[in-house]
Amino acid sequence: MLEPILLEAHSDTPLVELDKEKGIFRFEGRSLPEDVIKFYTPIQNWFAEYCANPNKETAIHFNLEYFNSSTARIIVKMLIGLEEVRQKGESEVSITWHYRTNDEVMLERGMELKSVLDIPFEMVEG
């Protein structure tokens, strides 16, 4: 069984909640960890295992205030794995990208991700 991950947010790392059984997949806060590989490797491993046996529906929620370029590369890698799962018809994958009103940077980051992925992508301002 795939064990849930719950990492509390800190000043430089986001809240990460991944729970296959409950269908919860969310990232919130700021992501600029000092060692991005160390922080994200367990999360990437979790997603790799999840993609081997995904839920029928996978709805990921991002509510990030900021993330660095190293985080961006990791997010894209994780989402490409889910894109493949979706293309095989193994899971209905969707992404909800939350961004604050007037936060042009996070709006643009979300739009960039949306443009490179073949996954239903909802932009939510608020």
N, C-alpha and C. Protein backbone atom coordinates (compact mmCIF):
# COMPACT_ATOMS: atom_id res chain seq x y z
N MET A 1 0.84 -1.19 0.00
CA MET A 1 0.00 0.00 0.00
C MET A 1 0.88 1.25 0.00
N LEU A 2 0.48 2.25 -0.74
CA LEU A 2 1.22 3.49 -0.85
C LEU A 2 0.90 4.37 0.36
N GLU A 3 1.91 4.60 1.19
CA GLU A 3 1.72 5.39 2.40
C GLU A 3 1.56 6.88 2.06
N PRO A 4 0.67 7.58 2.76
CA PRO A 4 0.51 9.01 2.53
C PRO A 4 1.77 9.79 2.91
N ILE A 5 1.91 10.94 2.28
CA ILE A 5 2.96 11.89 2.64
C ILE A 5 2.28 13.15 3.14
N LEU A 6 2.72 13.65 4.28
CA LEU A 6 2.25 14.94 4.78
C LEU A 6 3.47 15.68 5.30
N LEU A 7 3.87 16.71 4.58
CA LEU A 7 4.99 17.55 4.98
C LEU A 7 4.43 18.94 5.30
N GLU A 8 4.67 19.40 6.51
CA GLU A 8 4.20 20.73 6.90
C GLU A 8 5.01 21.81 6.18
N ALA A 9 4.37 22.92 5.92
CA ALA A 9 5.04 24.05 5.27
C ALA A 9 6.03 24.70 6.23
N HIS A 10 7.14 25.17 5.66
CA HIS A 10 8.12 25.97 6.39
C HIS A 10 8.43 27.18 5.53
N SER A 11 9.33 28.02 5.96
CA SER A 11 9.60 29.27 5.23
C SER A 11 10.10 29.02 3.81
N ASP A 12 10.78 27.89 3.59
CA ASP A 12 11.34 27.64 2.26
C ASP A 12 10.85 26.35 1.60
N THR A 13 9.92 25.66 2.25
CA THR A 13 9.35 24.44 1.66
C THR A 13 7.83 24.45 1.81
N PRO A 14 7.15 23.90 0.81
CA PRO A 14 5.68 23.94 0.84
C PRO A 14 5.07 22.84 1.68
N LEU A 15 3.81 23.03 2.01
CA LEU A 15 3.01 21.93 2.52
C LEU A 15 2.82 20.98 1.36
N VAL A 16 3.04 19.71 1.61
CA VAL A 16 2.81 18.69 0.59
C VAL A 16 1.94 17.63 1.23
N GLU A 17 0.78 17.39 0.64
CA GLU A 17 -0.11 16.34 1.13
C GLU A 17 -0.47 15.44 -0.05
N LEU A 18 -0.06 14.20 0.06
CA LEU A 18 -0.32 13.20 -0.97
C LEU A 18 -0.94 11.99 -0.30
N ASP A 19 -2.18 11.73 -0.59
CA ASP A 19 -2.89 10.62 0.05
C ASP A 19 -3.74 9.93 -1.01
N LYS A 20 -3.25 8.81 -1.50
CA LYS A 20 -3.95 8.08 -2.55
C LYS A 20 -5.33 7.64 -2.10
N GLU A 21 -5.42 7.10 -0.89
CA GLU A 21 -6.68 6.56 -0.39
C GLU A 21 -7.76 7.64 -0.29
N LYS A 22 -7.38 8.85 0.16
CA LYS A 22 -8.34 9.95 0.30
C LYS A 22 -8.47 10.77 -0.99
N GLY A 23 -7.59 10.52 -1.95
CA GLY A 23 -7.63 11.28 -3.20
C GLY A 23 -7.18 12.71 -3.03
N ILE A 24 -6.20 12.94 -2.15
CA ILE A 24 -5.71 14.29 -1.88
C ILE A 24 -4.30 14.42 -2.45
N PHE A 25 -4.13 15.44 -3.29
CA PHE A 25 -2.84 15.72 -3.92
C PHE A 25 -2.68 17.23 -3.93
N ARG A 26 -1.90 17.80 -2.98
CA ARG A 26 -1.80 19.26 -2.95
C ARG A 26 -0.43 19.75 -2.50
N PHE A 27 -0.11 20.92 -3.04
CA PHE A 27 1.13 21.62 -2.74
C PHE A 27 0.74 23.07 -2.42
N GLU A 28 1.20 23.58 -1.27
CA GLU A 28 0.84 24.95 -0.87
C GLU A 28 2.02 25.64 -0.21
N GLY A 29 2.20 26.90 -0.56
CA GLY A 29 3.22 27.71 0.11
C GLY A 29 4.35 28.10 -0.82
N ARG A 30 5.55 28.15 -0.25
CA ARG A 30 6.74 28.57 -0.99
C ARG A 30 7.66 27.37 -1.16
N SER A 31 8.26 27.26 -2.34
CA SER A 31 9.17 26.15 -2.59
C SER A 31 10.50 26.66 -3.10
N LEU A 32 11.43 26.80 -2.19
CA LEU A 32 12.80 27.12 -2.54
C LEU A 32 13.73 26.42 -1.55
N PRO A 33 13.61 25.09 -1.52
CA PRO A 33 14.43 24.35 -0.57
C PRO A 33 15.92 24.49 -0.87
N GLU A 34 16.71 24.49 0.18
CA GLU A 34 18.16 24.59 0.03
C GLU A 34 18.68 23.42 -0.80
N ASP A 35 18.17 22.23 -0.52
CA ASP A 35 18.55 21.03 -1.27
C ASP A 35 17.30 20.46 -1.93
N VAL A 36 17.01 20.91 -3.14
CA VAL A 36 15.77 20.53 -3.82
C VAL A 36 15.70 19.03 -4.08
N ILE A 37 16.83 18.40 -4.36
CA ILE A 37 16.85 16.95 -4.61
C ILE A 37 16.46 16.20 -3.34
N LYS A 38 17.05 16.57 -2.23
CA LYS A 38 16.75 15.91 -0.96
C LYS A 38 15.28 16.07 -0.59
N PHE A 39 14.74 17.26 -0.77
CA PHE A 39 13.34 17.52 -0.41
C PHE A 39 12.38 16.77 -1.33
N TYR A 40 12.61 16.84 -2.64
CA TYR A 40 11.63 16.31 -3.59
C TYR A 40 11.81 14.85 -3.99
N THR A 41 12.95 14.23 -3.70
CA THR A 41 13.13 12.82 -4.10
C THR A 41 12.06 11.90 -3.52
N PRO A 42 11.74 11.98 -2.22
CA PRO A 42 10.67 11.10 -1.72
C PRO A 42 9.31 11.38 -2.40
N ILE A 43 9.07 12.62 -2.77
CA ILE A 43 7.82 13.00 -3.43
C ILE A 43 7.81 12.43 -4.85
N GLN A 44 8.92 12.55 -5.55
CA GLN A 44 9.02 11.98 -6.89
C GLN A 44 8.86 10.46 -6.85
N ASN A 45 9.48 9.82 -5.87
CA ASN A 45 9.35 8.37 -5.73
C ASN A 45 7.90 7.98 -5.46
N TRP A 46 7.23 8.76 -4.64
CA TRP A 46 5.82 8.51 -4.33
C TRP A 46 4.99 8.58 -5.61
N PHE A 47 5.21 9.63 -6.40
CA PHE A 47 4.45 9.79 -7.64
C PHE A 47 4.77 8.66 -8.63
N ALA A 48 6.01 8.23 -8.69
CA ALA A 48 6.36 7.13 -9.59
C ALA A 48 5.59 5.87 -9.19
N GLU A 49 5.52 5.59 -7.90
CA GLU A 49 4.78 4.43 -7.43
C GLU A 49 3.27 4.62 -7.67
N TYR A 50 2.79 5.83 -7.44
CA TYR A 50 1.38 6.13 -7.67
C TYR A 50 1.01 5.91 -9.14
N CYS A 51 1.85 6.36 -10.05
CA CYS A 51 1.56 6.25 -11.48
C CYS A 51 1.49 4.80 -11.95
N ALA A 52 2.12 3.90 -11.21
CA ALA A 52 2.06 2.48 -11.56
C ALA A 52 0.69 1.89 -11.25
N ASN A 53 -0.05 2.54 -10.34
CA ASN A 53 -1.38 2.05 -9.95
C ASN A 53 -2.22 3.24 -9.46
N PRO A 54 -2.62 4.12 -10.38
CA PRO A 54 -3.30 5.36 -9.98
C PRO A 54 -4.79 5.15 -9.66
N ASN A 55 -5.34 6.14 -8.97
CA ASN A 55 -6.79 6.19 -8.76
C ASN A 55 -7.47 6.46 -10.10
N LYS A 56 -8.77 6.20 -10.17
CA LYS A 56 -9.52 6.50 -11.39
C LYS A 56 -9.54 7.99 -11.67
N GLU A 57 -9.47 8.81 -10.60
CA GLU A 57 -9.40 10.26 -10.74
C GLU A 57 -8.24 10.79 -9.92
N THR A 58 -7.51 11.72 -10.50
CA THR A 58 -6.37 12.35 -9.83
C THR A 58 -6.50 13.85 -10.02
N ALA A 59 -6.87 14.55 -8.97
CA ALA A 59 -7.01 16.01 -9.03
C ALA A 59 -5.93 16.65 -8.16
N ILE A 60 -4.98 17.31 -8.80
CA ILE A 60 -3.87 17.93 -8.08
C ILE A 60 -4.15 19.42 -7.93
N HIS A 61 -3.90 19.91 -6.71
CA HIS A 61 -4.10 21.33 -6.41
C HIS A 61 -2.77 21.96 -6.05
N PHE A 62 -2.44 23.02 -6.77
CA PHE A 62 -1.26 23.82 -6.47
C PHE A 62 -1.73 25.19 -5.99
N ASN A 63 -1.23 25.59 -4.83
CA ASN A 63 -1.50 26.92 -4.30
C ASN A 63 -0.17 27.45 -3.79
N LEU A 64 0.72 27.69 -4.74
CA LEU A 64 2.07 28.10 -4.40
C LEU A 64 2.22 29.61 -4.49
N GLU A 65 2.87 30.19 -3.49
CA GLU A 65 3.14 31.63 -3.48
C GLU A 65 4.35 31.94 -4.35
N TYR A 66 5.29 31.00 -4.35
CA TYR A 66 6.52 31.18 -5.11
C TYR A 66 7.21 29.83 -5.23
N PHE A 67 7.91 29.61 -6.34
CA PHE A 67 8.80 28.45 -6.44
C PHE A 67 9.96 28.79 -7.35
N ASN A 68 11.12 28.19 -7.05
CA ASN A 68 12.32 28.48 -7.83
C ASN A 68 12.38 27.57 -9.07
N SER A 69 13.38 27.82 -9.90
CA SER A 69 13.48 27.07 -11.16
C SER A 69 13.75 25.59 -10.94
N SER A 70 14.48 25.24 -9.88
CA SER A 70 14.73 23.83 -9.59
C SER A 70 13.43 23.11 -9.25
N THR A 71 12.57 23.78 -8.49
CA THR A 71 11.26 23.22 -8.17
C THR A 71 10.43 23.08 -9.44
N ALA A 72 10.50 24.06 -10.31
CA ALA A 72 9.72 24.02 -11.55
C ALA A 72 10.06 22.78 -12.36
N ARG A 73 11.34 22.46 -12.48
CA ARG A 73 11.76 21.27 -13.24
C ARG A 73 11.19 20.00 -12.62
N ILE A 74 11.19 19.93 -11.31
CA ILE A 74 10.68 18.73 -10.62
C ILE A 74 9.17 18.63 -10.80
N ILE A 75 8.47 19.74 -10.69
CA ILE A 75 7.01 19.73 -10.88
C ILE A 75 6.69 19.22 -12.28
N VAL A 76 7.40 19.72 -13.27
CA VAL A 76 7.14 19.29 -14.65
C VAL A 76 7.38 17.79 -14.80
N LYS A 77 8.46 17.27 -14.23
CA LYS A 77 8.74 15.83 -14.31
C LYS A 77 7.61 15.01 -13.69
N MET A 78 7.14 15.44 -12.52
CA MET A 78 6.04 14.71 -11.87
C MET A 78 4.79 14.75 -12.73
N LEU A 79 4.49 15.90 -13.27
CA LEU A 79 3.27 16.04 -14.06
C LEU A 79 3.35 15.32 -15.39
N ILE A 80 4.54 15.19 -15.96
CA ILE A 80 4.68 14.42 -17.20
C ILE A 80 4.33 12.96 -16.93
N GLY A 81 4.71 12.43 -15.79
CA GLY A 81 4.33 11.07 -15.43
C GLY A 81 2.82 10.92 -15.35
N LEU A 82 2.16 11.91 -14.78
CA LEU A 82 0.69 11.87 -14.70
C LEU A 82 0.05 12.08 -16.07
N GLU A 83 0.69 12.87 -16.92
CA GLU A 83 0.20 13.06 -18.28
C GLU A 83 0.19 11.72 -19.02
N GLU A 84 1.23 10.93 -18.83
CA GLU A 84 1.30 9.61 -19.47
C GLU A 84 0.20 8.69 -18.95
N VAL A 85 -0.05 8.74 -17.65
CA VAL A 85 -1.13 7.94 -17.04
C VAL A 85 -2.47 8.34 -17.65
N ARG A 86 -2.67 9.64 -17.83
CA ARG A 86 -3.91 10.14 -18.42
C ARG A 86 -4.04 9.69 -19.87
N GLN A 87 -2.96 9.78 -20.64
CA GLN A 87 -3.00 9.41 -22.05
C GLN A 87 -3.28 7.93 -22.24
N LYS A 88 -2.87 7.11 -21.29
CA LYS A 88 -3.14 5.67 -21.34
C LYS A 88 -4.57 5.35 -20.89
N GLY A 89 -5.28 6.36 -20.39
CA GLY A 89 -6.65 6.15 -19.93
C GLY A 89 -6.74 5.49 -18.56
N GLU A 90 -5.64 5.53 -17.81
CA GLU A 90 -5.61 4.89 -16.50
C GLU A 90 -6.20 5.75 -15.39
N SER A 91 -6.25 7.06 -15.60
CA SER A 91 -6.76 7.98 -14.59
C SER A 91 -7.20 9.27 -15.27
N GLU A 92 -8.30 9.83 -14.78
CA GLU A 92 -8.72 11.16 -15.22
C GLU A 92 -7.94 12.16 -14.38
N VAL A 93 -6.93 12.76 -14.97
CA VAL A 93 -6.03 13.67 -14.25
C VAL A 93 -6.46 15.10 -14.52
N SER A 94 -6.46 15.91 -13.48
CA SER A 94 -6.72 17.34 -13.64
C SER A 94 -5.84 18.12 -12.67
N ILE A 95 -5.57 19.36 -13.05
CA ILE A 95 -4.75 20.25 -12.23
C ILE A 95 -5.55 21.52 -11.97
N THR A 96 -5.55 21.94 -10.72
CA THR A 96 -6.12 23.24 -10.36
C THR A 96 -4.97 24.09 -9.85
N TRP A 97 -4.76 25.22 -10.52
CA TRP A 97 -3.66 26.13 -10.21
C TRP A 97 -4.25 27.38 -9.56
N HIS A 98 -4.05 27.51 -8.27
CA HIS A 98 -4.54 28.67 -7.52
C HIS A 98 -3.46 29.75 -7.52
N TYR A 99 -3.87 30.98 -7.74
CA TYR A 99 -2.93 32.09 -7.67
C TYR A 99 -3.65 33.30 -7.09
N ARG A 100 -2.90 34.13 -6.41
CA ARG A 100 -3.48 35.30 -5.77
C ARG A 100 -3.82 36.39 -6.80
N THR A 101 -4.86 37.12 -6.52
CA THR A 101 -5.24 38.25 -7.37
C THR A 101 -4.04 39.18 -7.52
N ASN A 102 -3.78 39.60 -8.73
CA ASN A 102 -2.69 40.51 -9.09
C ASN A 102 -1.30 39.87 -9.00
N ASP A 103 -1.21 38.56 -8.81
CA ASP A 103 0.09 37.90 -8.79
C ASP A 103 0.41 37.42 -10.20
N GLU A 104 0.95 38.33 -10.99
CA GLU A 104 1.24 38.05 -12.40
C GLU A 104 2.27 36.94 -12.57
N VAL A 105 3.23 36.85 -11.67
CA VAL A 105 4.28 35.84 -11.79
C VAL A 105 3.69 34.45 -11.67
N MET A 106 2.86 34.21 -10.65
CA MET A 106 2.30 32.87 -10.47
C MET A 106 1.24 32.57 -11.54
N LEU A 107 0.54 33.58 -12.02
CA LEU A 107 -0.37 33.39 -13.14
C LEU A 107 0.41 32.92 -14.36
N GLU A 108 1.52 33.60 -14.67
CA GLU A 108 2.34 33.23 -15.82
C GLU A 108 2.94 31.84 -15.66
N ARG A 109 3.39 31.52 -14.45
CA ARG A 109 3.96 30.19 -14.22
C ARG A 109 2.91 29.10 -14.47
N GLY A 110 1.70 29.34 -14.01
CA GLY A 110 0.61 28.40 -14.25
C GLY A 110 0.30 28.27 -15.73
N MET A 111 0.28 29.39 -16.43
CA MET A 111 0.00 29.37 -17.87
C MET A 111 1.10 28.62 -18.63
N GLU A 112 2.35 28.78 -18.20
CA GLU A 112 3.45 28.05 -18.84
C GLU A 112 3.26 26.55 -18.67
N LEU A 113 2.93 26.12 -17.45
CA LEU A 113 2.70 24.69 -17.22
C LEU A 113 1.54 24.19 -18.07
N LYS A 114 0.48 24.96 -18.08
CA LYS A 114 -0.71 24.58 -18.85
C LYS A 114 -0.36 24.39 -20.32
N SER A 115 0.52 25.24 -20.84
CA SER A 115 0.84 25.19 -22.27
C SER A 115 1.69 23.98 -22.66
N VAL A 116 2.43 23.40 -21.71
CA VAL A 116 3.31 22.29 -22.07
C VAL A 116 2.74 20.92 -21.70
N LEU A 117 1.59 20.90 -21.03
CA LEU A 117 1.01 19.63 -20.58
C LEU A 117 -0.31 19.35 -21.26
N ASP A 118 -0.55 18.09 -21.54
CA ASP A 118 -1.84 17.67 -22.08
C ASP A 118 -2.67 17.10 -20.92
N ILE A 119 -3.02 18.01 -20.02
CA ILE A 119 -3.81 17.68 -18.83
C ILE A 119 -4.83 18.80 -18.64
N PRO A 120 -6.08 18.50 -18.36
CA PRO A 120 -7.03 19.56 -18.06
C PRO A 120 -6.50 20.43 -16.91
N PHE A 121 -6.49 21.72 -17.12
CA PHE A 121 -5.80 22.65 -16.23
C PHE A 121 -6.73 23.82 -15.95
N GLU A 122 -7.08 24.01 -14.70
CA GLU A 122 -7.97 25.11 -14.32
C GLU A 122 -7.17 26.16 -13.55
N MET A 123 -7.30 27.41 -13.98
CA MET A 123 -6.66 28.53 -13.30
C MET A 123 -7.70 29.16 -12.38
N VAL A 124 -7.37 29.28 -11.09
CA VAL A 124 -8.32 29.83 -10.11
C VAL A 124 -7.67 31.03 -9.43
N GLU A 125 -8.27 32.19 -9.62
CA GLU A 125 -7.76 33.42 -9.00
C GLU A 125 -8.47 33.63 -7.67
N GLY A 126 -7.71 34.09 -6.69
CA GLY A 126 -8.37 34.38 -5.42
C GLY A 126 -7.42 34.53 -4.28
